[in-house]
């Protein structure tokens, strides 16, 4: 396979990944994009419960929120919320 075809194939794959990420971020926030939806909070909870494998920075990037926001949610989870 030519280098050009390999690059085009990989570019299409990256574009599909970016579209999926945009959809997930859309589900993770409310209509105005200012608060996390129930789905977004569930993703945060899953990240919190998998802290050994998923970093707070990774969750912040995934949801397009600040690491500080993730930290605040994690503090609530630790307190039993």
PDB file of N, CA and C in Angstrom:
ATOM      1  N   UNK A   1       0.856  -1.169   0.000  1.00  0.00           N
ATOM      2  CA  UNK A   1       0.000   0.000   0.000  1.00  0.00           C
ATOM      3  C   UNK A   1       0.905   1.237   0.000  1.00  0.00           C
ATOM      4  N   UNK A   2       0.510   2.219  -0.767  1.00  0.00           N
ATOM      5  CA  UNK A   2       1.339   3.419  -0.881  1.00  0.00           C
ATOM      6  C   UNK A   2       1.244   4.248   0.403  1.00  0.00           C
ATOM      7  N   UNK A   3       2.276   5.023   0.694  1.00  0.00           N
ATOM      8  CA  UNK A   3       2.230   5.893   1.877  1.00  0.00           C
ATOM      9  C   UNK A   3       1.020   6.833   1.860  1.00  0.00           C
ATOM     10  N   UNK A   4       0.671   7.339   0.701  1.00  0.00           N
ATOM     11  CA  UNK A   4      -0.479   8.252   0.593  1.00  0.00           C
ATOM     12  C   UNK A   4      -1.770   7.542   1.020  1.00  0.00           C
ATOM     13  N   UNK A   5      -1.971   6.320   0.570  1.00  0.00           N
ATOM     14  CA  UNK A   5      -3.172   5.564   0.934  1.00  0.00           C
ATOM     15  C   UNK A   5      -3.196   5.249   2.426  1.00  0.00           C
ATOM     16  N   UNK A   6      -2.033   4.931   2.973  1.00  0.00           N
ATOM     17  CA  UNK A   6      -1.948   4.660   4.413  1.00  0.00           C
ATOM     18  C   UNK A   6      -2.331   5.912   5.194  1.00  0.00           C
ATOM     19  N   UNK A   7      -1.804   7.046   4.786  1.00  0.00           N
ATOM     20  CA  UNK A   7      -2.109   8.306   5.473  1.00  0.00           C
ATOM     21  C   UNK A   7      -3.589   8.631   5.360  1.00  0.00           C
ATOM     22  N   UNK A   8      -4.169   8.467   4.187  1.00  0.00           N
ATOM     23  CA  UNK A   8      -5.593   8.750   4.004  1.00  0.00           C
ATOM     24  C   UNK A   8      -6.463   7.818   4.844  1.00  0.00           C
ATOM     25  N   UNK A   9      -6.087   6.546   4.917  1.00  0.00           N
ATOM     26  CA  UNK A   9      -6.828   5.593   5.743  1.00  0.00           C
ATOM     27  C   UNK A   9      -6.773   5.991   7.216  1.00  0.00           C
ATOM     28  N   UNK A  10      -5.586   6.351   7.671  1.00  0.00           N
ATOM     29  CA  UNK A  10      -5.430   6.754   9.070  1.00  0.00           C
ATOM     30  C   UNK A  10      -6.153   8.063   9.359  1.00  0.00           C
ATOM     31  N   UNK A  11      -6.150   8.967   8.415  1.00  0.00           N
ATOM     32  CA  UNK A  11      -6.869  10.231   8.578  1.00  0.00           C
ATOM     33  C   UNK A  11      -8.366   9.975   8.731  1.00  0.00           C
ATOM     34  N   UNK A  12      -8.918   9.085   7.936  1.00  0.00           N
ATOM     35  CA  UNK A  12     -10.342   8.737   8.062  1.00  0.00           C
ATOM     36  C   UNK A  12     -10.632   8.131   9.423  1.00  0.00           C
ATOM     37  N   UNK A  13      -9.721   7.301   9.906  1.00  0.00           N
ATOM     38  CA  UNK A  13      -9.902   6.698  11.233  1.00  0.00           C
ATOM     39  C   UNK A  13      -9.896   7.760  12.318  1.00  0.00           C
ATOM     40  N   UNK A  14      -8.962   8.695  12.215  1.00  0.00           N
ATOM     41  CA  UNK A  14      -8.882   9.784  13.191  1.00  0.00           C
ATOM     42  C   UNK A  14     -10.132  10.667  13.139  1.00  0.00           C
ATOM     43  N   UNK A  15     -10.631  10.928  11.951  1.00  0.00           N
ATOM     44  CA  UNK A  15     -11.852  11.725  11.819  1.00  0.00           C
ATOM     45  C   UNK A  15     -13.041  11.020  12.473  1.00  0.00           C
ATOM     46  N   UNK A  16     -13.139   9.710  12.299  1.00  0.00           N
ATOM     47  CA  UNK A  16     -14.216   8.943  12.930  1.00  0.00           C
ATOM     48  C   UNK A  16     -14.082   8.993  14.451  1.00  0.00           C
ATOM     49  N   UNK A  17     -12.858   8.877  14.950  1.00  0.00           N
ATOM     50  CA  UNK A  17     -12.629   8.961  16.397  1.00  0.00           C
ATOM     51  C   UNK A  17     -13.031  10.337  16.923  1.00  0.00           C
ATOM     52  N   UNK A  18     -12.704  11.383  16.191  1.00  0.00           N
ATOM     53  CA  UNK A  18     -13.044  12.747  16.603  1.00  0.00           C
ATOM     54  C   UNK A  18     -14.559  12.943  16.624  1.00  0.00           C
ATOM     55  N   UNK A  19     -15.254  12.372  15.658  1.00  0.00           N
ATOM     56  CA  UNK A  19     -16.715  12.472  15.631  1.00  0.00           C
ATOM     57  C   UNK A  19     -17.329  11.768  16.833  1.00  0.00           C
ATOM     58  N   UNK A  20     -16.811  10.588  17.161  1.00  0.00           N
ATOM     59  CA  UNK A  20     -17.300   9.851  18.323  1.00  0.00           C
ATOM     60  C   UNK A  20     -17.057  10.649  19.603  1.00  0.00           C
ATOM     61  N   UNK A  21     -15.890  11.240  19.739  1.00  0.00           N
ATOM     62  CA  UNK A  21     -15.581  12.055  20.912  1.00  0.00           C
ATOM     63  C   UNK A  21     -16.540  13.236  21.015  1.00  0.00           C
ATOM     64  N   UNK A  22     -16.848  13.877  19.900  1.00  0.00           N
ATOM     65  CA  UNK A  22     -17.788  15.008  19.909  1.00  0.00           C
ATOM     66  C   UNK A  22     -19.176  14.554  20.362  1.00  0.00           C
ATOM     67  N   UNK A  23     -19.600  13.385  19.924  1.00  0.00           N
ATOM     68  CA  UNK A  23     -20.901  12.853  20.342  1.00  0.00           C
ATOM     69  C   UNK A  23     -20.901  12.578  21.842  1.00  0.00           C
ATOM     70  N   UNK A  24     -19.844  11.928  22.340  1.00  0.00           N
ATOM     71  CA  UNK A  24     -19.756  11.646  23.775  1.00  0.00           C
ATOM     72  C   UNK A  24     -19.762  12.922  24.601  1.00  0.00           C
ATOM     73  N   UNK A  25     -19.022  13.921  24.152  1.00  0.00           N
ATOM     74  CA  UNK A  25     -19.009  15.204  24.872  1.00  0.00           C
ATOM     75  C   UNK A  25     -20.379  15.848  24.843  1.00  0.00           C
ATOM     76  N   UNK A  26     -21.089  15.706  23.742  1.00  0.00           N
ATOM     77  CA  UNK A  26     -22.445  16.248  23.652  1.00  0.00           C
ATOM     78  C   UNK A  26     -23.379  15.584  24.648  1.00  0.00           C
ATOM     79  N   UNK A  27     -23.270  14.269  24.790  1.00  0.00           N
ATOM     80  CA  UNK A  27     -24.087  13.552  25.765  1.00  0.00           C
ATOM     81  C   UNK A  27     -23.703  13.899  27.194  1.00  0.00           C
ATOM     82  N   UNK A  28     -22.451  14.264  27.412  1.00  0.00           N
ATOM     83  CA  UNK A  28     -21.930  14.468  28.760  1.00  0.00           C
ATOM     84  C   UNK A  28     -22.337  15.803  29.373  1.00  0.00           C
ATOM     85  N   UNK A  29     -22.855  16.723  28.545  1.00  0.00           N
ATOM     86  CA  UNK A  29     -23.215  18.041  29.071  1.00  0.00           C
ATOM     87  C   UNK A  29     -24.680  18.345  28.797  1.00  0.00           C
ATOM     88  N   UNK A  30     -25.214  19.298  29.577  1.00  0.00           N
ATOM     89  CA  UNK A  30     -26.600  19.686  29.374  1.00  0.00           C
ATOM     90  C   UNK A  30     -26.746  20.492  28.082  1.00  0.00           C
ATOM     91  N   UNK A  31     -27.973  20.944  27.793  1.00  0.00           N
ATOM     92  CA  UNK A  31     -28.233  21.631  26.532  1.00  0.00           C
ATOM     93  C   UNK A  31     -27.392  22.891  26.348  1.00  0.00           C
ATOM     94  N   UNK A  32     -27.117  23.580  27.430  1.00  0.00           N
ATOM     95  CA  UNK A  32     -26.328  24.811  27.322  1.00  0.00           C
ATOM     96  C   UNK A  32     -24.826  24.540  27.370  1.00  0.00           C
ATOM     97  N   UNK A  33     -24.457  23.316  27.705  1.00  0.00           N
ATOM     98  CA  UNK A  33     -23.047  22.952  27.766  1.00  0.00           C
ATOM     99  C   UNK A  33     -22.331  23.452  29.004  1.00  0.00           C
ATOM    100  N   UNK A  34     -23.109  23.903  29.994  1.00  0.00           N
ATOM    101  CA  UNK A  34     -22.493  24.471  31.192  1.00  0.00           C
ATOM    102  C   UNK A  34     -22.443  23.519  32.376  1.00  0.00           C
ATOM    103  N   UNK A  35     -23.205  22.444  32.318  1.00  0.00           N
ATOM    104  CA  UNK A  35     -23.252  21.473  33.416  1.00  0.00           C
ATOM    105  C   UNK A  35     -23.156  20.064  32.847  1.00  0.00           C
ATOM    106  N   UNK A  36     -22.691  19.150  33.679  1.00  0.00           N
ATOM    107  CA  UNK A  36     -22.637  17.759  33.260  1.00  0.00           C
ATOM    108  C   UNK A  36     -24.023  17.137  33.345  1.00  0.00           C
ATOM    109  N   UNK A  37     -24.345  16.331  32.363  1.00  0.00           N
ATOM    110  CA  UNK A  37     -25.590  15.565  32.365  1.00  0.00           C
ATOM    111  C   UNK A  37     -25.403  14.342  33.262  1.00  0.00           C
ATOM    112  N   UNK A  38     -26.466  13.561  33.387  1.00  0.00           N
ATOM    113  CA  UNK A  38     -26.364  12.316  34.153  1.00  0.00           C
ATOM    114  C   UNK A  38     -25.315  11.398  33.521  1.00  0.00           C
ATOM    115  N   UNK A  39     -25.249  11.395  32.192  1.00  0.00           N
ATOM    116  CA  UNK A  39     -24.243  10.587  31.501  1.00  0.00           C
ATOM    117  C   UNK A  39     -22.838  11.074  31.856  1.00  0.00           C
ATOM    118  N   UNK A  40     -22.635  12.389  31.828  1.00  0.00           N
ATOM    119  CA  UNK A  40     -21.332  12.956  32.162  1.00  0.00           C
ATOM    120  C   UNK A  40     -20.921  12.622  33.585  1.00  0.00           C
ATOM    121  N   UNK A  41     -21.887  12.684  34.489  1.00  0.00           N
ATOM    122  CA  UNK A  41     -21.579  12.344  35.879  1.00  0.00           C
ATOM    123  C   UNK A  41     -21.257  10.854  36.027  1.00  0.00           C
ATOM    124  N   UNK A  42     -21.930  10.025  35.220  1.00  0.00           N
ATOM    125  CA  UNK A  42     -21.633   8.587  35.261  1.00  0.00           C
ATOM    126  C   UNK A  42     -20.219   8.314  34.742  1.00  0.00           C
ATOM    127  N   UNK A  43     -19.801   9.057  33.723  1.00  0.00           N
ATOM    128  CA  UNK A  43     -18.432   8.910  33.214  1.00  0.00           C
ATOM    129  C   UNK A  43     -17.436   9.324  34.300  1.00  0.00           C
ATOM    130  N   UNK A  44     -17.735  10.430  34.977  1.00  0.00           N
ATOM    131  CA  UNK A  44     -16.868  10.861  36.084  1.00  0.00           C
ATOM    132  C   UNK A  44     -16.797   9.802  37.172  1.00  0.00           C
ATOM    133  N   UNK A  45     -17.931   9.239  37.525  1.00  0.00           N
ATOM    134  CA  UNK A  45     -17.975   8.205  38.575  1.00  0.00           C
ATOM    135  C   UNK A  45     -17.143   6.993  38.143  1.00  0.00           C
ATOM    136  N   UNK A  46     -17.278   6.588  36.885  1.00  0.00           N
ATOM    137  CA  UNK A  46     -16.496   5.453  36.385  1.00  0.00           C
ATOM    138  C   UNK A  46     -15.003   5.769  36.441  1.00  0.00           C
ATOM    139  N   UNK A  47     -14.634   6.994  36.095  1.00  0.00           N
ATOM    140  CA  UNK A  47     -13.227   7.393  36.191  1.00  0.00           C
ATOM    141  C   UNK A  47     -12.740   7.382  37.621  1.00  0.00           C
ATOM    142  N   UNK A  48     -13.596   7.850  38.537  1.00  0.00           N
ATOM    143  CA  UNK A  48     -13.255   7.871  39.957  1.00  0.00           C
ATOM    144  C   UNK A  48     -13.023   6.451  40.472  1.00  0.00           C
ATOM    145  N   UNK A  49     -13.884   5.529  40.060  1.00  0.00           N
ATOM    146  CA  UNK A  49     -13.778   4.146  40.529  1.00  0.00           C
ATOM    147  C   UNK A  49     -12.627   3.397  39.860  1.00  0.00           C
ATOM    148  N   UNK A  50     -12.078   3.971  38.779  1.00  0.00           N
ATOM    149  CA  UNK A  50     -10.968   3.341  38.044  1.00  0.00           C
ATOM    150  C   UNK A  50      -9.703   4.188  38.118  1.00  0.00           C
ATOM    151  N   UNK A  51      -9.523   4.886  39.226  1.00  0.00           N
ATOM    152  CA  UNK A  51      -8.405   5.835  39.338  1.00  0.00           C
ATOM    153  C   UNK A  51      -7.046   5.203  39.082  1.00  0.00           C
ATOM    154  N   UNK A  52      -6.915   3.903  39.337  1.00  0.00           N
ATOM    155  CA  UNK A  52      -5.626   3.244  39.102  1.00  0.00           C
ATOM    156  C   UNK A  52      -5.316   3.126  37.615  1.00  0.00           C
ATOM    157  N   UNK A  53      -6.363   3.158  36.784  1.00  0.00           N
ATOM    158  CA  UNK A  53      -6.176   2.961  35.347  1.00  0.00           C
ATOM    159  C   UNK A  53      -6.430   4.220  34.527  1.00  0.00           C
ATOM    160  N   UNK A  54      -7.270   5.116  35.030  1.00  0.00           N
ATOM    161  CA  UNK A  54      -7.661   6.319  34.295  1.00  0.00           C
ATOM    162  C   UNK A  54      -7.361   7.537  35.169  1.00  0.00           C
ATOM    163  N   UNK A  55      -6.591   8.459  34.638  1.00  0.00           N
ATOM    164  CA  UNK A  55      -6.254   9.640  35.435  1.00  0.00           C
ATOM    165  C   UNK A  55      -7.360  10.685  35.355  1.00  0.00           C
ATOM    166  N   UNK A  56      -7.393  11.549  36.350  1.00  0.00           N
ATOM    167  CA  UNK A  56      -8.351  12.653  36.344  1.00  0.00           C
ATOM    168  C   UNK A  56      -8.119  13.552  35.134  1.00  0.00           C
ATOM    169  N   UNK A  57      -6.865  13.709  34.737  1.00  0.00           N
ATOM    170  CA  UNK A  57      -6.556  14.523  33.553  1.00  0.00           C
ATOM    171  C   UNK A  57      -7.153  13.900  32.299  1.00  0.00           C
ATOM    172  N   UNK A  58      -7.129  12.568  32.211  1.00  0.00           N
ATOM    173  CA  UNK A  58      -7.732  11.882  31.060  1.00  0.00           C
ATOM    174  C   UNK A  58      -9.237  12.114  31.024  1.00  0.00           C
ATOM    175  N   UNK A  59      -9.880  12.018  32.173  1.00  0.00           N
ATOM    176  CA  UNK A  59     -11.329  12.243  32.243  1.00  0.00           C
ATOM    177  C   UNK A  59     -11.649  13.689  31.862  1.00  0.00           C
ATOM    178  N   UNK A  60     -10.840  14.631  32.339  1.00  0.00           N
ATOM    179  CA  UNK A  60     -11.051  16.037  32.006  1.00  0.00           C
ATOM    180  C   UNK A  60     -10.957  16.258  30.500  1.00  0.00           C
ATOM    181  N   UNK A  61      -9.959  15.648  29.870  1.00  0.00           N
ATOM    182  CA  UNK A  61      -9.814  15.774  28.418  1.00  0.00           C
ATOM    183  C   UNK A  61     -10.990  15.143  27.693  1.00  0.00           C
ATOM    184  N   UNK A  62     -11.397  13.965  28.139  1.00  0.00           N
ATOM    185  CA  UNK A  62     -12.510  13.267  27.506  1.00  0.00           C
ATOM    186  C   UNK A  62     -13.786  14.100  27.543  1.00  0.00           C
ATOM    187  N   UNK A  63     -14.075  14.687  28.704  1.00  0.00           N
ATOM    188  CA  UNK A  63     -15.318  15.435  28.869  1.00  0.00           C
ATOM    189  C   UNK A  63     -15.189  16.908  28.501  1.00  0.00           C
ATOM    190  N   UNK A  64     -13.976  17.344  28.183  1.00  0.00           N
ATOM    191  CA  UNK A  64     -13.717  18.754  27.858  1.00  0.00           C
ATOM    192  C   UNK A  64     -14.101  19.666  29.018  1.00  0.00           C
ATOM    193  N   UNK A  65     -13.637  19.277  30.209  1.00  0.00           N
ATOM    194  CA  UNK A  65     -13.812  20.093  31.406  1.00  0.00           C
ATOM    195  C   UNK A  65     -12.443  20.263  32.048  1.00  0.00           C
ATOM    196  N   UNK A  66     -12.359  21.139  33.029  1.00  0.00           N
ATOM    197  CA  UNK A  66     -11.069  21.401  33.660  1.00  0.00           C
ATOM    198  C   UNK A  66     -10.717  20.286  34.649  1.00  0.00           C
ATOM    199  N   UNK A  67      -9.428  20.059  34.849  1.00  0.00           N
ATOM    200  CA  UNK A  67      -9.030  19.097  35.877  1.00  0.00           C
ATOM    201  C   UNK A  67      -9.558  19.490  37.260  1.00  0.00           C
ATOM    202  N   UNK A  68      -9.681  20.790  37.508  1.00  0.00           N
ATOM    203  CA  UNK A  68     -10.227  21.251  38.785  1.00  0.00           C
ATOM    204  C   UNK A  68     -11.668  20.805  38.980  1.00  0.00           C
ATOM    205  N   UNK A  69     -12.452  20.818  37.912  1.00  0.00           N
ATOM    206  CA  UNK A  69     -13.838  20.356  37.993  1.00  0.00           C
ATOM    207  C   UNK A  69     -13.883  18.870  38.311  1.00  0.00           C
ATOM    208  N   UNK A  70     -12.992  18.111  37.706  1.00  0.00           N
ATOM    209  CA  UNK A  70     -12.922  16.676  37.998  1.00  0.00           C
ATOM    210  C   UNK A  70     -12.568  16.482  39.471  1.00  0.00           C
ATOM    211  N   UNK A  71     -11.600  17.239  39.946  1.00  0.00           N
ATOM    212  CA  UNK A  71     -11.180  17.141  41.339  1.00  0.00           C
ATOM    213  C   UNK A  71     -12.334  17.451  42.295  1.00  0.00           C
ATOM    214  N   UNK A  72     -13.131  18.461  41.967  1.00  0.00           N
ATOM    215  CA  UNK A  72     -14.280  18.809  42.813  1.00  0.00           C
ATOM    216  C   UNK A  72     -15.279  17.656  42.868  1.00  0.00           C
ATOM    217  N   UNK A  73     -15.548  17.050  41.733  1.00  0.00           N
ATOM    218  CA  UNK A  73     -16.478  15.917  41.704  1.00  0.00           C
ATOM    219  C   UNK A  73     -15.904  14.736  42.476  1.00  0.00           C
ATOM    220  N   UNK A  74     -14.615  14.485  42.326  1.00  0.00           N
ATOM    221  CA  UNK A  74     -13.988  13.379  43.048  1.00  0.00           C
ATOM    222  C   UNK A  74     -14.070  13.611  44.557  1.00  0.00           C
ATOM    223  N   UNK A  75     -13.923  14.846  44.988  1.00  0.00           N
ATOM    224  CA  UNK A  75     -14.049  15.161  46.423  1.00  0.00           C
ATOM    225  C   UNK A  75     -15.458  14.839  46.905  1.00  0.00           C
ATOM    226  N   UNK A  76     -16.461  15.160  46.105  1.00  0.00           N
ATOM    227  CA  UNK A  76     -17.855  14.837  46.468  1.00  0.00           C
ATOM    228  C   UNK A  76     -18.039  13.326  46.549  1.00  0.00           C
ATOM    229  N   UNK A  77     -17.450  12.613  45.605  1.00  0.00           N
ATOM    230  CA  UNK A  77     -17.583  11.152  45.613  1.00  0.00           C
ATOM    231  C   UNK A  77     -16.942  10.563  46.873  1.00  0.00           C
ATOM    232  N   UNK A  78     -15.758  11.096  47.234  1.00  0.00           N
ATOM    233  CA  UNK A  78     -15.069  10.600  48.444  1.00  0.00           C
ATOM    234  C   UNK A  78     -15.898  10.866  49.689  1.00  0.00           C
ATOM    235  N   UNK A  79     -16.648  11.979  49.684  1.00  0.00           N
ATOM    236  CA  UNK A  79     -17.458  12.343  50.842  1.00  0.00           C
ATOM    237  C   UNK A  79     -18.784  11.579  50.863  1.00  0.00           C
ATOM    238  N   UNK A  80     -18.974  10.723  49.870  1.00  0.00           N
ATOM    239  CA  UNK A  80     -20.186   9.914  49.853  1.00  0.00           C
ATOM    240  C   UNK A  80     -21.278  10.444  48.959  1.00  0.00           C
ATOM    241  N   UNK A  81     -20.969  11.458  48.184  1.00  0.00           N
ATOM    242  CA  UNK A  81     -21.991  12.063  47.308  1.00  0.00           C
ATOM    243  C   UNK A  81     -22.103  11.452  45.962  1.00  0.00           C
TER     244      UNK A  81
END
